Protein backbone atom coordinates (compact mmCIF):
# COMPACT_ATOMS: atom_id res chain seq x y z
CA MET A 1 67.10 117.70 96.28
CA ILE A 2 69.87 118.11 93.70
CA PHE A 3 73.35 119.36 94.49
CA GLN A 4 76.18 120.42 92.24
CA PHE A 5 79.77 119.90 93.34
CA VAL A 6 82.03 122.87 92.63
CA TYR A 7 85.78 123.01 93.11
CA GLY A 8 86.64 126.43 94.51
CA GLN A 9 89.70 128.13 95.96
CA ILE A 10 89.01 126.66 99.37
CA GLY A 11 88.36 123.14 98.18
CA LEU A 12 85.37 121.11 97.10
CA LEU A 13 82.04 122.81 97.76
CA PHE A 14 78.49 122.04 96.82
CA ARG A 15 75.49 124.18 96.11
CA LYS A 16 71.82 123.42 95.80
CA ILE A 17 70.61 123.48 92.19
CA GLU A 18 67.27 125.18 91.79
CA LYS A 19 64.73 123.69 89.38
CA SER A 20 65.15 126.75 87.13
CA ASP A 21 68.91 126.01 86.81
CA ILE A 22 68.22 122.77 84.96
CA VAL A 23 67.70 123.02 81.22
CA GLU A 24 66.05 120.06 79.57
CA GLU A 25 67.04 119.62 75.94
CA ILE A 26 64.21 118.64 73.61
CA LYS A 27 65.25 117.31 70.21
CA ILE A 28 63.08 118.03 67.19
CA THR A 29 63.55 116.39 63.81
CA THR A 30 61.74 119.05 61.79
CA GLU A 31 62.76 122.59 60.85
CA PHE A 32 60.38 124.08 63.45
CA ILE A 33 57.61 123.21 65.89
CA LYS A 34 54.68 125.41 66.89
CA LEU A 35 54.54 126.52 70.50
CA ASP A 36 51.31 124.75 71.41
CA SER A 37 52.57 121.50 69.87
CA PHE A 38 55.87 121.93 71.68
CA LEU A 39 54.18 122.14 75.10
CA LYS A 40 52.42 118.86 74.38
CA PHE A 41 55.59 117.27 72.95
CA ALA A 42 57.61 118.31 76.03
CA GLY A 43 54.95 116.83 78.30
CA VAL A 44 53.92 120.01 80.13
CA ALA A 45 50.44 120.03 78.59
CA SER A 46 48.38 116.93 77.91
CA LEU A 47 45.81 118.57 75.64
CA GLY A 48 45.89 121.32 73.06
CA THR A 49 43.29 123.26 75.02
CA GLU A 50 45.53 123.14 78.08
CA ALA A 51 48.49 124.44 76.07
CA LYS A 52 46.28 127.17 74.59
CA PHE A 53 45.24 128.29 78.08
CA TYR A 54 48.84 128.51 79.36
CA ILE A 55 49.93 130.49 76.31
CA GLN A 56 46.99 132.91 76.30
CA GLU A 57 47.41 133.54 80.04
CA GLY A 58 51.01 134.68 79.45
CA GLN A 59 52.55 131.82 81.42
CA VAL A 60 54.98 130.78 78.66
CA TYR A 61 58.24 132.55 77.82
CA VAL A 62 60.17 132.11 74.59
CA ASN A 63 63.74 133.37 74.63
CA GLY A 64 63.02 135.39 77.78
CA GLU A 65 59.85 137.13 76.54
CA VAL A 66 56.19 136.34 77.19
CA GLU A 67 54.69 134.65 74.15
CA THR A 68 50.92 134.66 73.63
CA ARG A 69 50.77 133.27 70.09
CA ARG A 70 49.94 129.54 69.96
CA GLY A 71 51.32 129.23 66.45
CA LYS A 72 54.69 130.82 67.24
CA LYS A 73 57.29 128.80 65.33
CA LEU A 74 60.15 127.52 67.46
CA TYR A 75 63.50 126.64 65.93
CA LYS A 76 66.65 124.95 67.19
CA ASP A 77 68.36 126.92 70.01
CA ASP A 78 65.10 128.58 71.11
CA VAL A 79 64.51 128.44 74.86
CA VAL A 80 61.04 127.93 76.34
CA GLU A 81 60.27 128.58 80.01
CA PHE A 82 57.12 127.44 81.74
CA ASN A 83 56.21 126.87 85.38
CA GLY A 84 59.82 127.08 86.57
CA GLU A 85 61.08 124.64 83.95
CA THR A 86 63.41 125.54 81.10
CA PHE A 87 63.56 123.71 77.78
CA LYS A 88 66.06 124.22 74.96
CA ILE A 89 65.23 123.03 71.48
CA VAL A 90 68.06 121.09 69.87
């Protein structure tokens, strides 16, 4: 369980951080990366067929919208959400 300490008007408080509150930054060294390759690169899919399934089933969000195109090009500052995890491309 992860907690965040917050200093409020009544002193030091803490709140539970949900998994969806954590954004993992994934650094790419190219201009873009395709969505299916990104899922493998980020470690959420071990095979291309697995990534293809997640994408075609509408389980992947890019910048807050469902994305069903495997070849969608992702650029720096794009945000990918999958299975309660959030990734930002840097």
